[in-house]
């Protein structure tokens, strides 16, 4: 609920039309204001049944 509420707040304040990173950075800030920890642009290895499929980068990880 807290994450979704933060997303709505960013959307309502910034409105459409900005670059994705602006929304990501605003959301990270909003989450911090609400007492939630987040990390931006995290890369991790994707594995399937013991086989490495390469790396993937996610925009934002909230509370691990």
N, C-alpha and C. Protein backbone atom coordinates (compact mmCIF):
# COMPACT_ATOMS: atom_id res chain seq x y z
N UNK A 1 0.81 -1.20 0.00
CA UNK A 1 0.00 0.00 0.00
C UNK A 1 0.86 1.26 0.00
N UNK A 2 1.95 1.24 0.78
CA UNK A 2 2.81 2.42 0.86
C UNK A 2 3.49 2.73 -0.48
N UNK A 3 3.93 1.70 -1.17
CA UNK A 3 4.60 1.89 -2.46
C UNK A 3 3.62 2.42 -3.50
N UNK A 4 2.45 1.83 -3.55
CA UNK A 4 1.44 2.28 -4.52
C UNK A 4 1.03 3.72 -4.24
N UNK A 5 0.85 4.07 -2.98
CA UNK A 5 0.50 5.45 -2.62
C UNK A 5 1.61 6.41 -3.04
N UNK A 6 2.86 6.00 -2.88
CA UNK A 6 3.98 6.85 -3.30
C UNK A 6 3.98 7.03 -4.81
N UNK A 7 3.68 5.97 -5.54
CA UNK A 7 3.60 6.07 -7.00
C UNK A 7 2.52 7.05 -7.44
N UNK A 8 1.36 6.96 -6.83
CA UNK A 8 0.28 7.88 -7.15
C UNK A 8 0.67 9.32 -6.84
N UNK A 9 1.35 9.53 -5.74
CA UNK A 9 1.78 10.88 -5.38
C UNK A 9 2.72 11.46 -6.43
N UNK A 10 3.69 10.68 -6.86
CA UNK A 10 4.62 11.15 -7.90
C UNK A 10 3.86 11.45 -9.18
N UNK A 11 2.97 10.58 -9.57
CA UNK A 11 2.18 10.79 -10.78
C UNK A 11 1.34 12.07 -10.69
N UNK A 12 0.70 12.27 -9.55
CA UNK A 12 -0.15 13.45 -9.38
C UNK A 12 0.63 14.76 -9.36
N UNK A 13 1.84 14.71 -8.84
CA UNK A 13 2.64 15.94 -8.76
C UNK A 13 3.35 16.23 -10.08
N UNK A 14 3.99 15.22 -10.69
CA UNK A 14 4.79 15.46 -11.89
C UNK A 14 3.99 15.40 -13.19
N UNK A 15 2.90 14.63 -13.19
CA UNK A 15 2.08 14.47 -14.41
C UNK A 15 2.91 13.81 -15.52
N UNK A 16 2.29 13.48 -16.64
CA UNK A 16 3.00 12.81 -17.74
C UNK A 16 3.93 13.76 -18.50
N UNK A 17 4.91 13.17 -19.18
CA UNK A 17 5.73 13.93 -20.11
C UNK A 17 7.21 14.01 -19.81
N UNK A 18 7.64 13.54 -18.65
CA UNK A 18 9.06 13.60 -18.31
C UNK A 18 9.76 12.31 -18.69
N UNK A 19 11.08 12.33 -18.64
CA UNK A 19 11.85 11.11 -18.88
C UNK A 19 11.67 10.15 -17.72
N UNK A 20 11.80 8.88 -18.01
CA UNK A 20 11.59 7.83 -17.01
C UNK A 20 12.45 8.04 -15.77
N UNK A 21 13.69 8.45 -15.96
CA UNK A 21 14.58 8.60 -14.80
C UNK A 21 14.09 9.67 -13.84
N UNK A 22 13.39 10.68 -14.34
CA UNK A 22 12.84 11.71 -13.45
C UNK A 22 11.80 11.11 -12.51
N UNK A 23 10.96 10.24 -13.04
CA UNK A 23 9.95 9.57 -12.22
C UNK A 23 10.61 8.61 -11.23
N UNK A 24 11.63 7.89 -11.70
CA UNK A 24 12.35 6.97 -10.82
C UNK A 24 12.98 7.71 -9.65
N UNK A 25 13.64 8.82 -9.95
CA UNK A 25 14.30 9.59 -8.89
C UNK A 25 13.29 10.22 -7.94
N UNK A 26 12.19 10.70 -8.49
CA UNK A 26 11.13 11.28 -7.64
C UNK A 26 10.51 10.20 -6.76
N UNK A 27 10.30 9.01 -7.32
CA UNK A 27 9.73 7.92 -6.54
C UNK A 27 10.69 7.49 -5.43
N UNK A 28 11.97 7.41 -5.72
CA UNK A 28 12.95 7.06 -4.69
C UNK A 28 12.91 8.07 -3.55
N UNK A 29 12.79 9.34 -3.90
CA UNK A 29 12.70 10.39 -2.88
C UNK A 29 11.40 10.27 -2.08
N UNK A 30 10.31 10.04 -2.76
CA UNK A 30 9.01 9.91 -2.09
C UNK A 30 9.01 8.70 -1.15
N UNK A 31 9.60 7.61 -1.58
CA UNK A 31 9.70 6.43 -0.72
C UNK A 31 10.52 6.73 0.53
N UNK A 32 11.61 7.47 0.35
CA UNK A 32 12.44 7.86 1.49
C UNK A 32 11.64 8.72 2.47
N UNK A 33 10.85 9.65 1.93
CA UNK A 33 10.02 10.50 2.78
C UNK A 33 9.02 9.68 3.59
N UNK A 34 8.62 8.54 3.05
CA UNK A 34 7.66 7.66 3.71
C UNK A 34 8.34 6.59 4.57
N UNK A 35 9.66 6.69 4.70
CA UNK A 35 10.39 5.78 5.57
C UNK A 35 10.75 4.44 4.96
N UNK A 36 10.70 4.35 3.63
CA UNK A 36 11.05 3.11 2.95
C UNK A 36 12.41 3.23 2.28
N UNK A 37 13.20 2.16 2.34
CA UNK A 37 14.51 2.14 1.71
C UNK A 37 14.38 1.65 0.28
N UNK A 38 15.15 2.25 -0.62
CA UNK A 38 15.16 1.78 -2.01
C UNK A 38 16.56 1.93 -2.59
N UNK A 39 16.81 1.15 -3.63
CA UNK A 39 18.06 1.23 -4.37
C UNK A 39 17.72 1.37 -5.84
N UNK A 40 18.47 2.21 -6.54
CA UNK A 40 18.22 2.46 -7.96
C UNK A 40 19.20 1.70 -8.84
N UNK A 41 18.74 1.36 -10.04
CA UNK A 41 19.58 0.77 -11.09
C UNK A 41 20.44 -0.39 -10.57
N UNK A 42 19.80 -1.39 -10.03
CA UNK A 42 20.52 -2.55 -9.51
C UNK A 42 20.59 -3.63 -10.58
N UNK A 43 21.77 -4.21 -10.71
CA UNK A 43 21.99 -5.26 -11.70
C UNK A 43 22.15 -6.60 -10.98
N UNK A 44 21.57 -7.64 -11.57
CA UNK A 44 21.72 -8.96 -11.00
C UNK A 44 21.74 -10.01 -12.11
N UNK A 45 22.28 -11.17 -11.78
CA UNK A 45 22.38 -12.25 -12.75
C UNK A 45 21.10 -13.07 -12.74
N UNK A 46 20.61 -13.36 -13.91
CA UNK A 46 19.41 -14.19 -14.05
C UNK A 46 19.87 -15.62 -14.36
N UNK A 47 19.39 -16.55 -13.57
CA UNK A 47 19.72 -17.96 -13.78
C UNK A 47 18.46 -18.78 -13.96
N UNK A 48 18.58 -19.79 -14.79
CA UNK A 48 17.46 -20.72 -15.00
C UNK A 48 18.01 -22.13 -14.96
N UNK A 49 17.58 -22.89 -13.97
CA UNK A 49 17.98 -24.29 -13.81
C UNK A 49 19.49 -24.45 -13.95
N UNK A 50 20.22 -23.61 -13.23
CA UNK A 50 21.67 -23.70 -13.21
C UNK A 50 22.38 -23.03 -14.36
N UNK A 51 21.65 -22.49 -15.32
CA UNK A 51 22.24 -21.83 -16.48
C UNK A 51 22.13 -20.32 -16.33
N UNK A 52 23.24 -19.63 -16.48
CA UNK A 52 23.22 -18.17 -16.42
C UNK A 52 22.66 -17.61 -17.72
N UNK A 53 21.65 -16.77 -17.62
CA UNK A 53 21.03 -16.17 -18.80
C UNK A 53 21.51 -14.74 -19.02
N UNK A 54 22.48 -14.32 -18.23
CA UNK A 54 23.00 -12.97 -18.36
C UNK A 54 22.54 -12.09 -17.21
N UNK A 55 22.74 -10.82 -17.39
CA UNK A 55 22.38 -9.87 -16.33
C UNK A 55 21.13 -9.08 -16.71
N UNK A 56 20.50 -8.57 -15.69
CA UNK A 56 19.29 -7.76 -15.86
C UNK A 56 19.40 -6.58 -14.90
N UNK A 57 18.95 -5.43 -15.34
CA UNK A 57 18.99 -4.24 -14.49
C UNK A 57 17.56 -3.79 -14.20
N UNK A 58 17.28 -3.58 -12.92
CA UNK A 58 15.96 -3.09 -12.54
C UNK A 58 16.07 -1.62 -12.13
N UNK A 59 15.00 -0.88 -12.35
CA UNK A 59 14.99 0.56 -12.05
C UNK A 59 15.08 0.83 -10.56
N UNK A 60 14.30 0.09 -9.79
CA UNK A 60 14.19 0.41 -8.37
C UNK A 60 13.83 -0.85 -7.58
N UNK A 61 14.54 -1.08 -6.49
CA UNK A 61 14.22 -2.16 -5.56
C UNK A 61 13.82 -1.50 -4.26
N UNK A 62 12.67 -1.89 -3.73
CA UNK A 62 12.15 -1.30 -2.50
C UNK A 62 12.23 -2.31 -1.37
N UNK A 63 12.85 -1.91 -0.26
CA UNK A 63 12.92 -2.75 0.94
C UNK A 63 13.41 -4.16 0.62
N UNK A 64 14.41 -4.26 -0.23
CA UNK A 64 15.00 -5.55 -0.63
C UNK A 64 13.96 -6.44 -1.25
